[in-house]
Amino acid sequence: MGDGEILVKVGQLAKRAGIFPSKVRYYVNEGLLNPLDRTRGGYYLFDESRALERLRLIEKLRIEERLSLNEIKQKISKGVDGV
């Protein structure tokens, strides 16, 4: 983990992104969002700025461009918007 990273758990990330924690977990399970690490208790830990950027991209593609999760996965895997 690099310098300047602010690590947050699912609930903190969801609150900052304005979405439900279950949606963050869903995106993790679907392979759209990757945690950096886990705590001893099993909680996911995310780099706050990178995860927020990824969540904003996912939500933009899902809502504004009306893409399916599979289409979003394909775009993200190709490096859409540098993410």
Protein backbone atom coordinates (compact mmCIF):
# COMPACT_ATOMS: atom_id res chain seq x y z
CA MET A 1 0.00 0.00 0.00
CA GLY A 2 1.44 3.33 -1.07
CA ASP A 3 1.81 6.63 0.67
CA GLY A 4 -1.20 8.93 0.78
CA GLU A 5 -3.77 6.17 0.49
CA ILE A 6 -6.78 6.50 2.71
CA LEU A 7 -8.14 3.04 3.38
CA VAL A 8 -11.87 2.72 3.96
CA LYS A 9 -14.30 -0.11 4.62
CA VAL A 10 -17.40 -0.86 2.56
CA GLY A 11 -19.74 1.26 4.68
CA GLN A 12 -17.48 4.29 4.60
CA LEU A 13 -16.96 3.97 0.85
CA ALA A 14 -20.68 3.56 0.20
CA LYS A 15 -21.52 6.61 2.28
CA ARG A 16 -18.98 8.76 0.42
CA ALA A 17 -20.25 7.46 -2.94
CA GLY A 18 -23.91 7.94 -2.02
CA ILE A 19 -24.86 4.31 -2.59
CA PHE A 20 -25.85 1.39 -0.40
CA PRO A 21 -23.11 -0.86 1.03
CA SER A 22 -24.81 -3.85 -0.60
CA LYS A 23 -24.14 -2.29 -4.01
CA VAL A 24 -20.43 -1.95 -3.21
CA ARG A 25 -20.34 -5.62 -2.16
CA TYR A 26 -22.23 -6.58 -5.30
CA TYR A 27 -19.70 -4.79 -7.51
CA VAL A 28 -16.89 -6.58 -5.65
CA ASN A 29 -18.60 -9.95 -6.18
CA GLU A 30 -19.10 -9.15 -9.87
CA GLY A 31 -15.41 -8.27 -10.30
CA LEU A 32 -16.02 -4.60 -11.07
CA LEU A 33 -14.40 -3.26 -7.91
CA ASN A 34 -11.36 -4.72 -6.21
CA PRO A 35 -10.46 -4.17 -2.57
CA LEU A 36 -6.81 -3.59 -1.72
CA ASP A 37 -6.84 -5.78 1.34
CA ARG A 38 -8.93 -7.28 4.13
CA THR A 39 -8.84 -6.70 7.85
CA ARG A 40 -8.30 -9.56 10.29
CA GLY A 41 -12.06 -9.55 10.75
CA GLY A 42 -12.62 -10.04 7.01
CA TYR A 43 -13.71 -6.50 6.14
CA TYR A 44 -12.75 -5.27 2.69
CA LEU A 45 -10.40 -2.29 2.57
CA PHE A 46 -10.34 0.10 -0.40
CA ASP A 47 -8.15 2.99 -1.47
CA GLU A 48 -10.76 5.70 -1.07
CA SER A 49 -9.88 7.88 -4.07
CA ARG A 50 -9.39 5.02 -6.54
CA ALA A 51 -12.51 3.19 -5.40
CA LEU A 52 -14.64 6.35 -5.59
CA GLU A 53 -13.34 7.01 -9.10
CA ARG A 54 -14.20 3.45 -10.14
CA LEU A 55 -17.66 3.61 -8.55
CA ARG A 56 -18.42 6.89 -10.33
CA LEU A 57 -17.41 5.32 -13.64
CA ILE A 58 -19.52 2.21 -13.03
CA GLU A 59 -22.57 4.28 -12.07
CA LYS A 60 -22.10 6.60 -15.06
CA LEU A 61 -21.90 3.69 -17.46
CA ARG A 62 -24.83 1.94 -15.81
CA ILE A 63 -27.17 4.94 -15.50
CA GLU A 64 -26.21 7.45 -18.19
CA GLU A 65 -25.11 5.04 -20.88
CA ARG A 66 -27.51 2.27 -19.80
CA LEU A 67 -24.92 -0.46 -20.13
CA SER A 68 -25.32 -3.91 -18.64
CA LEU A 69 -22.84 -5.16 -16.04
CA ASN A 70 -21.24 -7.38 -18.67
CA GLU A 71 -20.80 -4.40 -21.00
CA ILE A 72 -19.34 -2.38 -18.13
CA LYS A 73 -16.91 -5.21 -17.34
CA GLN A 74 -15.78 -5.24 -20.97
CA LYS A 75 -15.26 -1.48 -21.06
CA ILE A 76 -13.40 -1.44 -17.77
CA SER A 77 -11.17 -4.35 -18.83
CA LYS A 78 -10.25 -2.35 -21.94
CA GLY A 79 -9.28 0.64 -19.80
CA VAL A 80 -12.15 3.03 -20.52
CA ASP A 81 -11.41 6.50 -19.15
CA GLY A 82 -8.03 5.34 -17.92
CA VAL A 83 -9.52 3.30 -15.07
